[in-house]
Amino acid sequence: MRNPNISLQLYTLRHEIEKDFSGSLERAAAIGFSQVEPWNFVAQADNYAKAFTANGITAPSAHAHLVGVNRRETFEAAVKLGIKTVIEPIVDQSKWQNAQDISEIALEMNKAAEEAIEFGLQVGYHNHAWEIANKIDGEVALEFFESMLEARVILEVDAYWVHAGGLHGPDLLSRLGNRVQYLHIKDGKNVRSSENKFNERGELVKNEANTREQVPAGQGEVPLAAVIATAPHALPIVEFDEYAGDIFEGIKESLEFVKGLIQ
């Protein structure tokens, strides 16, 4: 039975999609996913549209760059695919080291939110480790950023990267509250043994997490049960950056874990 309350980030299946686009989405649907979070959807809009229709899939959210780019084509493609929230997936870690640069990112996100109104969309931001590890006058960079966002900009918190950045995910989620509308649910072992390099000011300039040690949700060290319990209003989205095993088995095991927590 497919679960309408859990999604799948399709970056997880990028290698499989490259080989067999429609077949990969068909397998994801057969495993139990009725919702997905596309990436590279502007270039692949027609393929996504066909696959969504064929498999009864919807995409409440999707990843696409919003900062420093022309956003109209992205928003047009999102409308075509029925996407409701377009999320900036990554802004280079060099831009998360000082208040001025972070303020400029927030300004861009606020502009994107204003432009999105015309299309009936909302926008959001997805974190990695550096937005967590870096501090601005003692405040977590992501929270400093959040304080400058307009109300209609949402956050997608990646629980794995929060853990890699050195924070307890539930504590961060408690502080961010309803700003968080989506959760990336992924797990790993030795997550905090990542290679973190800081400059002389204590700013994180390089993060190389052990993504090859990612495991199905619930089998690693990220406190995912507590993460989901702390933000029950947010849509959980299964994701892997890397996985040594069969990726379709991996997403199936992750789906079963999350289902056990929310049902």
C-alpha atoms as a PDB file:
ATOM      1  CA  MET A   1       0.000   0.000   0.000  1.00  0.00           C
ATOM      2  CA  ARG A   2       1.309   3.410  -0.947  1.00  0.00           C
ATOM      3  CA  ASN A   3       1.623   6.058   1.746  1.00  0.00           C
ATOM      4  CA  PRO A   4       0.503   9.603   0.881  1.00  0.00           C
ATOM      5  CA  ASN A   5       2.382  11.088   3.841  1.00  0.00           C
ATOM      6  CA  ILE A   6       5.955  10.194   2.809  1.00  0.00           C
ATOM      7  CA  SER A   7       7.959  11.398  -0.171  1.00  0.00           C
ATOM      8  CA  LEU A   8      11.191  10.380  -1.935  1.00  0.00           C
ATOM      9  CA  GLN A   9      13.962  12.731  -3.058  1.00  0.00           C
ATOM     10  CA  LEU A  10      14.740  11.565  -6.586  1.00  0.00           C
ATOM     11  CA  TYR A  11      18.395  12.603  -6.375  1.00  0.00           C
ATOM     12  CA  THR A  12      18.590   9.292  -4.522  1.00  0.00           C
ATOM     13  CA  LEU A  13      17.870   7.471  -7.799  1.00  0.00           C
ATOM     14  CA  ARG A  14      19.899   9.724 -10.089  1.00  0.00           C
ATOM     15  CA  HIS A  15      22.076   6.896 -11.463  1.00  0.00           C
ATOM     16  CA  GLU A  16      19.073   4.644 -12.032  1.00  0.00           C
ATOM     17  CA  ILE A  17      17.070   7.469 -13.621  1.00  0.00           C
ATOM     18  CA  GLU A  18      19.929   8.177 -16.005  1.00  0.00           C
ATOM     19  CA  LYS A  19      19.708   4.576 -17.227  1.00  0.00           C
ATOM     20  CA  ASP A  20      15.920   4.149 -17.162  1.00  0.00           C
ATOM     21  CA  PHE A  21      13.845   7.216 -16.348  1.00  0.00           C
ATOM     22  CA  SER A  22      10.327   5.807 -16.506  1.00  0.00           C
ATOM     23  CA  GLY A  23      11.314   2.410 -15.128  1.00  0.00           C
ATOM     24  CA  SER A  24      12.954   3.923 -12.063  1.00  0.00           C
ATOM     25  CA  LEU A  25       9.886   5.947 -11.140  1.00  0.00           C
ATOM     26  CA  GLU A  26       7.704   2.915 -11.781  1.00  0.00           C
ATOM     27  CA  ARG A  27       9.794   0.894  -9.317  1.00  0.00           C
ATOM     28  CA  ALA A  28       9.616   3.673  -6.721  1.00  0.00           C
ATOM     29  CA  ALA A  29       5.836   3.717  -7.060  1.00  0.00           C
ATOM     30  CA  ALA A  30       5.656  -0.057  -6.775  1.00  0.00           C
ATOM     31  CA  ILE A  31       7.694   0.083  -3.553  1.00  0.00           C
ATOM     32  CA  GLY A  32       5.089   2.403  -2.077  1.00  0.00           C
ATOM     33  CA  PHE A  33       5.928   6.013  -2.910  1.00  0.00           C
ATOM     34  CA  SER A  34       3.057   8.111  -4.227  1.00  0.00           C
ATOM     35  CA  GLN A  35       4.968  11.363  -3.732  1.00  0.00           C
ATOM     36  CA  VAL A  36       8.430  12.356  -4.893  1.00  0.00           C
ATOM     37  CA  GLU A  37      10.717  15.378  -4.764  1.00  0.00           C
ATOM     38  CA  PRO A  38      12.234  15.866  -8.237  1.00  0.00           C
ATOM     39  CA  TRP A  39      15.588  17.397  -9.010  1.00  0.00           C
ATOM     40  CA  ASN A  40      16.679  18.624 -12.457  1.00  0.00           C
ATOM     41  CA  PHE A  41      12.984  18.969 -13.232  1.00  0.00           C
ATOM     42  CA  VAL A  42      13.225  21.957 -15.568  1.00  0.00           C
ATOM     43  CA  ALA A  43      15.291  20.068 -18.142  1.00  0.00           C
ATOM     44  CA  GLN A  44      13.277  16.886 -17.630  1.00  0.00           C
ATOM     45  CA  ALA A  45       9.796  18.358 -17.253  1.00  0.00           C
ATOM     46  CA  ASP A  46       8.232  16.335 -20.071  1.00  0.00           C
ATOM     47  CA  ASN A  47       9.686  13.053 -18.816  1.00  0.00           C
ATOM     48  CA  TYR A  48       8.547  13.773 -15.272  1.00  0.00           C
ATOM     49  CA  ALA A  49       5.051  14.683 -16.445  1.00  0.00           C
ATOM     50  CA  LYS A  50       4.675  11.386 -18.326  1.00  0.00           C
ATOM     51  CA  ALA A  51       6.047   9.327 -15.443  1.00  0.00           C
ATOM     52  CA  PHE A  52       3.847  11.073 -12.879  1.00  0.00           C
ATOM     53  CA  THR A  53       0.720  10.404 -14.919  1.00  0.00           C
ATOM     54  CA  ALA A  54       1.658   6.791 -15.645  1.00  0.00           C
ATOM     55  CA  ASN A  55       2.349   5.962 -11.999  1.00  0.00           C
ATOM     56  CA  GLY A  56      -0.102   8.139 -10.084  1.00  0.00           C
ATOM     57  CA  ILE A  57       2.724  10.157  -8.555  1.00  0.00           C
ATOM     58  CA  THR A  58       2.603  13.743  -7.324  1.00  0.00           C
ATOM     59  CA  ALA A  59       5.408  16.132  -6.384  1.00  0.00           C
ATOM     60  CA  PRO A  60       4.535  18.536  -3.563  1.00  0.00           C
ATOM     61  CA  SER A  61       8.124  19.844  -3.537  1.00  0.00           C
ATOM     62  CA  ALA A  62      11.150  19.938  -5.814  1.00  0.00           C
ATOM     63  CA  HIS A  63      14.752  21.135  -5.858  1.00  0.00           C
ATOM     64  CA  ALA A  64      16.025  23.863  -8.170  1.00  0.00           C
ATOM     65  CA  HIS A  65      18.414  26.774  -7.796  1.00  0.00           C
ATOM     66  CA  LEU A  66      16.742  30.019  -6.777  1.00  0.00           C
ATOM     67  CA  VAL A  67      19.649  32.173  -5.602  1.00  0.00           C
ATOM     68  CA  GLY A  68      21.429  34.257  -8.228  1.00  0.00           C
ATOM     69  CA  VAL A  69      19.446  32.931 -11.199  1.00  0.00           C
ATOM     70  CA  ASN A  70      16.471  33.838 -13.382  1.00  0.00           C
ATOM     71  CA  ARG A  71      13.616  31.958 -11.745  1.00  0.00           C
ATOM     72  CA  ARG A  72      10.765  32.278 -14.263  1.00  0.00           C
ATOM     73  CA  GLU A  73      11.509  29.113 -16.269  1.00  0.00           C
ATOM     74  CA  THR A  74      11.842  27.147 -13.037  1.00  0.00           C
ATOM     75  CA  PHE A  75       8.503  28.385 -11.740  1.00  0.00           C
ATOM     76  CA  GLU A  76       6.802  27.684 -15.072  1.00  0.00           C
ATOM     77  CA  ALA A  77       8.072  24.096 -15.043  1.00  0.00           C
ATOM     78  CA  ALA A  78       6.958  23.683 -11.432  1.00  0.00           C
ATOM     79  CA  VAL A  79       3.412  24.736 -12.328  1.00  0.00           C
ATOM     80  CA  LYS A  80       3.390  22.293 -15.245  1.00  0.00           C
ATOM     81  CA  LEU A  81       4.269  19.433 -12.889  1.00  0.00           C
ATOM     82  CA  GLY A  82       1.921  20.406 -10.092  1.00  0.00           C
ATOM     83  CA  ILE A  83       4.787  21.228  -7.730  1.00  0.00           C
ATOM     84  CA  LYS A  84       3.782  23.503  -4.851  1.00  0.00           C
ATOM     85  CA  THR A  85       7.135  24.327  -3.222  1.00  0.00           C
ATOM     86  CA  VAL A  86      10.438  24.963  -5.015  1.00  0.00           C
ATOM     87  CA  ILE A  87      13.436  24.519  -2.731  1.00  0.00           C
ATOM     88  CA  GLU A  88      16.956  25.884  -3.139  1.00  0.00           C
ATOM     89  CA  PRO A  89      19.097  22.756  -2.643  1.00  0.00           C
ATOM     90  CA  ILE A  90      22.504  24.278  -1.956  1.00  0.00           C
ATOM     91  CA  VAL A  91      24.365  27.565  -1.711  1.00  0.00           C
ATOM     92  CA  ASP A  92      28.122  27.137  -1.620  1.00  0.00           C
ATOM     93  CA  GLN A  93      29.600  26.878   1.855  1.00  0.00           C
ATOM     94  CA  SER A  94      31.884  29.867   1.165  1.00  0.00           C
ATOM     95  CA  LYS A  95      28.732  32.027   1.338  1.00  0.00           C
ATOM     96  CA  TRP A  96      27.860  30.914   4.873  1.00  0.00           C
ATOM     97  CA  GLN A  97      30.822  32.368   6.747  1.00  0.00           C
ATOM     98  CA  ASN A  98      29.750  35.933   7.514  1.00  0.00           C
ATOM     99  CA  ALA A  99      26.633  37.971   8.208  1.00  0.00           C
ATOM    100  CA  GLN A 100      26.794  39.992   4.989  1.00  0.00           C
ATOM    101  CA  ASP A 101      26.835  37.002   2.658  1.00  0.00           C
ATOM    102  CA  ILE A 102      24.084  35.242   4.588  1.00  0.00           C
ATOM    103  CA  SER A 103      21.968  38.398   4.530  1.00  0.00           C
ATOM    104  CA  GLU A 104      22.304  38.481   0.744  1.00  0.00           C
ATOM    105  CA  ILE A 105      21.119  34.866   0.475  1.00  0.00           C
ATOM    106  CA  ALA A 106      18.095  35.713   2.623  1.00  0.00           C
ATOM    107  CA  LEU A 107      17.351  38.728   0.416  1.00  0.00           C
ATOM    108  CA  GLU A 108      17.444  36.526  -2.687  1.00  0.00           C
ATOM    109  CA  MET A 109      15.115  33.996  -1.080  1.00  0.00           C
ATOM    110  CA  ASN A 110      12.687  36.755  -0.117  1.00  0.00           C
ATOM    111  CA  LYS A 111      12.737  38.047  -3.703  1.00  0.00           C
ATOM    112  CA  ALA A 112      12.114  34.532  -4.984  1.00  0.00           C
ATOM    113  CA  ALA A 113       9.142  34.196  -2.647  1.00  0.00           C
ATOM    114  CA  GLU A 114       7.694  37.437  -3.991  1.00  0.00           C
ATOM    115  CA  GLU A 115       8.117  36.294  -7.597  1.00  0.00           C
ATOM    116  CA  ALA A 116       6.599  32.898  -6.788  1.00  0.00           C
ATOM    117  CA  ILE A 117       3.273  34.460  -5.794  1.00  0.00           C
ATOM    118  CA  GLU A 118       2.411  35.028  -9.462  1.00  0.00           C
ATOM    119  CA  PHE A 119       2.685  31.285 -10.035  1.00  0.00           C
ATOM    120  CA  GLY A 120       0.856  30.174  -6.896  1.00  0.00           C
ATOM    121  CA  LEU A 121       4.065  28.714  -5.475  1.00  0.00           C
ATOM    122  CA  GLN A 122       6.096  28.961  -2.304  1.00  0.00           C
ATOM    123  CA  VAL A 123       9.858  28.650  -1.956  1.00  0.00           C
ATOM    124  CA  GLY A 124      12.190  27.148   0.602  1.00  0.00           C
ATOM    125  CA  TYR A 125      15.786  26.404   1.524  1.00  0.00           C
ATOM    126  CA  HIS A 126      17.515  23.051   2.183  1.00  0.00           C
ATOM    127  CA  ASN A 127      20.525  22.877   4.498  1.00  0.00           C
ATOM    128  CA  HIS A 128      23.823  21.045   4.485  1.00  0.00           C
ATOM    129  CA  ALA A 129      26.345  20.849   7.338  1.00  0.00           C
ATOM    130  CA  TRP A 130      27.951  24.272   6.958  1.00  0.00           C
ATOM    131  CA  GLU A 131      24.778  26.224   7.750  1.00  0.00           C
ATOM    132  CA  ILE A 132      24.788  24.329  11.055  1.00  0.00           C
ATOM    133  CA  ALA A 133      28.496  24.285  11.949  1.00  0.00           C
ATOM    134  CA  ASN A 134      29.093  27.968  11.204  1.00  0.00           C
ATOM    135  CA  LYS A 135      28.114  30.525  13.805  1.00  0.00           C
ATOM    136  CA  ILE A 136      27.352  34.248  13.442  1.00  0.00           C
ATOM    137  CA  ASP A 137      28.062  35.991  16.743  1.00  0.00           C
ATOM    138  CA  GLY A 138      27.438  32.687  18.467  1.00  0.00           C
ATOM    139  CA  GLU A 139      24.179  31.957  16.627  1.00  0.00           C
ATOM    140  CA  VAL A 140      23.793  28.956  14.323  1.00  0.00           C
ATOM    141  CA  ALA A 141      24.095  30.312  10.762  1.00  0.00           C
ATOM    142  CA  LEU A 142      20.864  28.653   9.639  1.00  0.00           C
ATOM    143  CA  GLU A 143      18.963  30.311  12.492  1.00  0.00           C
ATOM    144  CA  PHE A 144      20.580  33.675  11.747  1.00  0.00           C
ATOM    145  CA  PHE A 145      19.419  33.200   8.139  1.00  0.00           C
ATOM    146  CA  GLU A 146      15.926  32.160   9.228  1.00  0.00           C
ATOM    147  CA  SER A 147      15.517  35.344  11.272  1.00  0.00           C
ATOM    148  CA  MET A 148      15.772  37.422   8.076  1.00  0.00           C
ATOM    149  CA  LEU A 149      13.334  35.400   5.990  1.00  0.00           C
ATOM    150  CA  GLU A 150       9.839  36.582   5.231  1.00  0.00           C
ATOM    151  CA  ALA A 151       7.055  34.402   6.599  1.00  0.00           C
ATOM    152  CA  ARG A 152       6.279  32.796   3.234  1.00  0.00           C
ATOM    153  CA  VAL A 153       9.794  31.298   2.873  1.00  0.00           C
ATOM    154  CA  ILE A 154       9.882  27.808   4.377  1.00  0.00           C
ATOM    155  CA  LEU A 155      12.735  25.520   5.400  1.00  0.00           C
ATOM    156  CA  GLU A 156      13.477  21.932   4.496  1.00  0.00           C
ATOM    157  CA  VAL A 157      15.667  20.550   7.270  1.00  0.00           C
ATOM    158  CA  ASP A 158      18.013  17.722   6.351  1.00  0.00           C
ATOM    159  CA  ALA A 159      18.361  15.673   9.542  1.00  0.00           C
ATOM    160  CA  TYR A 160      21.559  13.952   8.384  1.00  0.00           C
ATOM    161  CA  TRP A 161      23.363  17.204   7.666  1.00  0.00           C
ATOM    162  CA  VAL A 162      22.172  18.771  10.905  1.00  0.00           C
ATOM    163  CA  HIS A 163      23.731  15.823  12.730  1.00  0.00           C
ATOM    164  CA  ALA A 164      26.910  16.089  10.650  1.00  0.00           C
ATOM    165  CA  GLY A 165      27.087  19.790  11.515  1.00  0.00           C
ATOM    166  CA  GLY A 166      27.140  18.992  15.211  1.00  0.00           C
ATOM    167  CA  LEU A 167      23.597  19.725  16.403  1.00  0.00           C
ATOM    168  CA  HIS A 168      20.889  17.528  17.888  1.00  0.00           C
ATOM    169  CA  GLY A 169      18.177  17.710  15.229  1.00  0.00           C
ATOM    170  CA  PRO A 170      15.161  17.776  17.558  1.00  0.00           C
ATOM    171  CA  ASP A 171      16.583  20.776  19.432  1.00  0.00           C
ATOM    172  CA  LEU A 172      16.978  22.755  16.209  1.00  0.00           C
ATOM    173  CA  LEU A 173      13.521  21.770  15.001  1.00  0.00           C
ATOM    174  CA  SER A 174      11.973  22.863  18.284  1.00  0.00           C
ATOM    175  CA  ARG A 175      13.448  26.322  17.797  1.00  0.00           C
ATOM    176  CA  LEU A 176      12.494  26.619  14.119  1.00  0.00           C
ATOM    177  CA  GLY A 177       8.897  25.468  14.646  1.00  0.00           C
ATOM    178  CA  ASN A 178       6.449  25.702  11.757  1.00  0.00           C
ATOM    179  CA  ARG A 179       9.001  27.359   9.483  1.00  0.00           C
ATOM    180  CA  VAL A 180      10.057  23.763   8.731  1.00  0.00           C
ATOM    181  CA  GLN A 181       7.628  22.169   6.280  1.00  0.00           C
ATOM    182  CA  TYR A 182       9.767  19.343   4.886  1.00  0.00           C
ATOM    183  CA  LEU A 183      12.287  16.941   6.421  1.00  0.00           C
ATOM    184  CA  HIS A 184      15.012  15.011   4.628  1.00  0.00           C
ATOM    185  CA  ILE A 185      15.155  11.637   6.306  1.00  0.00           C
ATOM    186  CA  LYS A 186      18.465   9.877   5.839  1.00  0.00           C
ATOM    187  CA  ASP A 187      20.800   8.037   8.147  1.00  0.00           C
ATOM    188  CA  GLY A 188      24.415   7.009   8.419  1.00  0.00           C
ATOM    189  CA  LYS A 189      27.221   5.679  10.542  1.00  0.00           C
ATOM    190  CA  ASN A 190      30.262   7.661  11.693  1.00  0.00           C
ATOM    191  CA  VAL A 191      28.489  10.789  10.480  1.00  0.00           C
ATOM    192  CA  ARG A 192      30.446  13.108  12.732  1.00  0.00           C
ATOM    193  CA  SER A 193      33.813  11.644  11.784  1.00  0.00           C
ATOM    194  CA  SER A 194      33.546  13.766   8.646  1.00  0.00           C
ATOM    195  CA  GLU A 195      36.507  15.858   7.569  1.00  0.00           C
ATOM    196  CA  ASN A 196      35.612  19.349   8.736  1.00  0.00           C
ATOM    197  CA  LYS A 197      38.131  22.087   8.018  1.00  0.00           C
ATOM    198  CA  PHE A 198      37.894  25.489   9.688  1.00  0.00           C
ATOM    199  CA  ASN A 199      39.788  28.694   8.963  1.00  0.00           C
ATOM    200  CA  GLU A 200      41.504  30.885  11.550  1.00  0.00           C
ATOM    201  CA  ARG A 201      38.177  32.587  12.389  1.00  0.00           C
ATOM    202  CA  GLY A 202      36.524  29.268  13.191  1.00  0.00           C
ATOM    203  CA  GLU A 203      34.444  29.260  10.001  1.00  0.00           C
ATOM    204  CA  LEU A 204      33.727  25.933   8.335  1.00  0.00           C
ATOM    205  CA  VAL A 205      35.369  26.016   4.915  1.00  0.00           C
ATOM    206  CA  LYS A 206      35.171  22.359   3.950  1.00  0.00           C
ATOM    207  CA  ASN A 207      32.899  19.482   4.881  1.00  0.00           C
ATOM    208  CA  GLU A 208      33.278  15.972   3.562  1.00  0.00           C
ATOM    209  CA  ALA A 209      30.792  13.743   5.347  1.00  0.00           C
ATOM    210  CA  ASN A 210      31.028   9.975   5.134  1.00  0.00           C
ATOM    211  CA  THR A 211      28.110   9.729   2.733  1.00  0.00           C
ATOM    212  CA  ARG A 212      29.309   6.306   1.569  1.00  0.00           C
ATOM    213  CA  GLU A 213      28.391   5.021   5.019  1.00  0.00           C
ATOM    214  CA  GLN A 214      24.772   6.071   4.672  1.00  0.00           C
ATOM    215  CA  VAL A 215      22.295   3.352   5.643  1.00  0.00           C
ATOM    216  CA  PRO A 216      18.517   2.919   5.535  1.00  0.00           C
ATOM    217  CA  ALA A 217      16.637   5.154   7.948  1.00  0.00           C
ATOM    218  CA  GLY A 218      16.686   3.861  11.495  1.00  0.00           C
ATOM    219  CA  GLN A 219      19.869   1.828  11.067  1.00  0.00           C
ATOM    220  CA  GLY A 220      22.395   4.579  11.807  1.00  0.00           C
ATOM    221  CA  GLU A 221      23.110   7.250  14.392  1.00  0.00           C
ATOM    222  CA  VAL A 222      20.874  10.126  13.292  1.00  0.00           C
ATOM    223  CA  PRO A 223      17.979  10.492  15.794  1.00  0.00           C
ATOM    224  CA  LEU A 224      15.315  10.209  13.123  1.00  0.00           C
ATOM    225  CA  ALA A 225      12.475   9.002  15.344  1.00  0.00           C
ATOM    226  CA  ALA A 226      12.885  12.071  17.554  1.00  0.00           C
ATOM    227  CA  VAL A 227      13.268  14.318  14.496  1.00  0.00           C
ATOM    228  CA  ILE A 228       9.947  13.168  13.049  1.00  0.00           C
ATOM    229  CA  ALA A 229       8.221  13.346  16.441  1.00  0.00           C
ATOM    230  CA  THR A 230       9.430  16.927  16.951  1.00  0.00           C
ATOM    231  CA  ALA A 231       8.085  18.129  13.582  1.00  0.00           C
ATOM    232  CA  PRO A 232       4.968  16.010  12.919  1.00  0.00           C
ATOM    233  CA  HIS A 233       3.586  18.733  10.649  1.00  0.00           C
ATOM    234  CA  ALA A 234       6.504  18.417   8.209  1.00  0.00           C
ATOM    235  CA  LEU A 235       6.485  16.008   5.267  1.00  0.00           C
ATOM    236  CA  PRO A 236       9.211  13.354   5.679  1.00  0.00           C
ATOM    237  CA  ILE A 237      11.218  12.770   2.505  1.00  0.00           C
ATOM    238  CA  VAL A 238      13.408   9.679   2.207  1.00  0.00           C
ATOM    239  CA  GLU A 239      16.849  10.347   0.729  1.00  0.00           C
ATOM    240  CA  PHE A 240      20.287   8.835   0.194  1.00  0.00           C
ATOM    241  CA  ASP A 241      23.309  10.699  -1.144  1.00  0.00           C
ATOM    242  CA  GLU A 242      25.200   7.425  -1.521  1.00  0.00           C
ATOM    243  CA  TYR A 243      24.418   3.807  -0.681  1.00  0.00           C
ATOM    244  CA  ALA A 244      26.650   0.755  -0.985  1.00  0.00           C
ATOM    245  CA  GLY A 245      23.738  -1.676  -1.321  1.00  0.00           C
ATOM    246  CA  ASP A 246      20.775  -2.011  -3.669  1.00  0.00           C
ATOM    247  CA  ILE A 247      19.286   1.487  -3.668  1.00  0.00           C
ATOM    248  CA  PHE A 248      15.751   0.237  -4.258  1.00  0.00           C
ATOM    249  CA  GLU A 249      16.031  -2.042  -1.232  1.00  0.00           C
ATOM    250  CA  GLY A 250      17.453   0.898   0.695  1.00  0.00           C
ATOM    251  CA  ILE A 251      14.521   3.186  -0.030  1.00  0.00           C
ATOM    252  CA  LYS A 252      12.087   0.351   0.723  1.00  0.00           C
ATOM    253  CA  GLU A 253      13.629  -0.197   4.165  1.00  0.00           C
ATOM    254  CA  SER A 254      13.627   3.548   4.832  1.00  0.00           C
ATOM    255  CA  LEU A 255       9.987   3.814   3.804  1.00  0.00           C
ATOM    256  CA  GLU A 256       8.991   1.000   6.157  1.00  0.00           C
ATOM    257  CA  PHE A 257      10.857   2.670   9.017  1.00  0.00           C
ATOM    258  CA  VAL A 258       9.146   6.018   8.495  1.00  0.00           C
ATOM    259  CA  LYS A 259       5.734   4.392   8.057  1.00  0.00           C
ATOM    260  CA  GLY A 260       6.190   2.719  11.421  1.00  0.00           C
ATOM    261  CA  LEU A 261       6.696   6.103  13.043  1.00  0.00           C
ATOM    262  CA  ILE A 262       3.827   8.054  11.536  1.00  0.00           C
ATOM    263  CA  GLN A 263       1.043   5.476  11.401  1.00  0.00           C
END
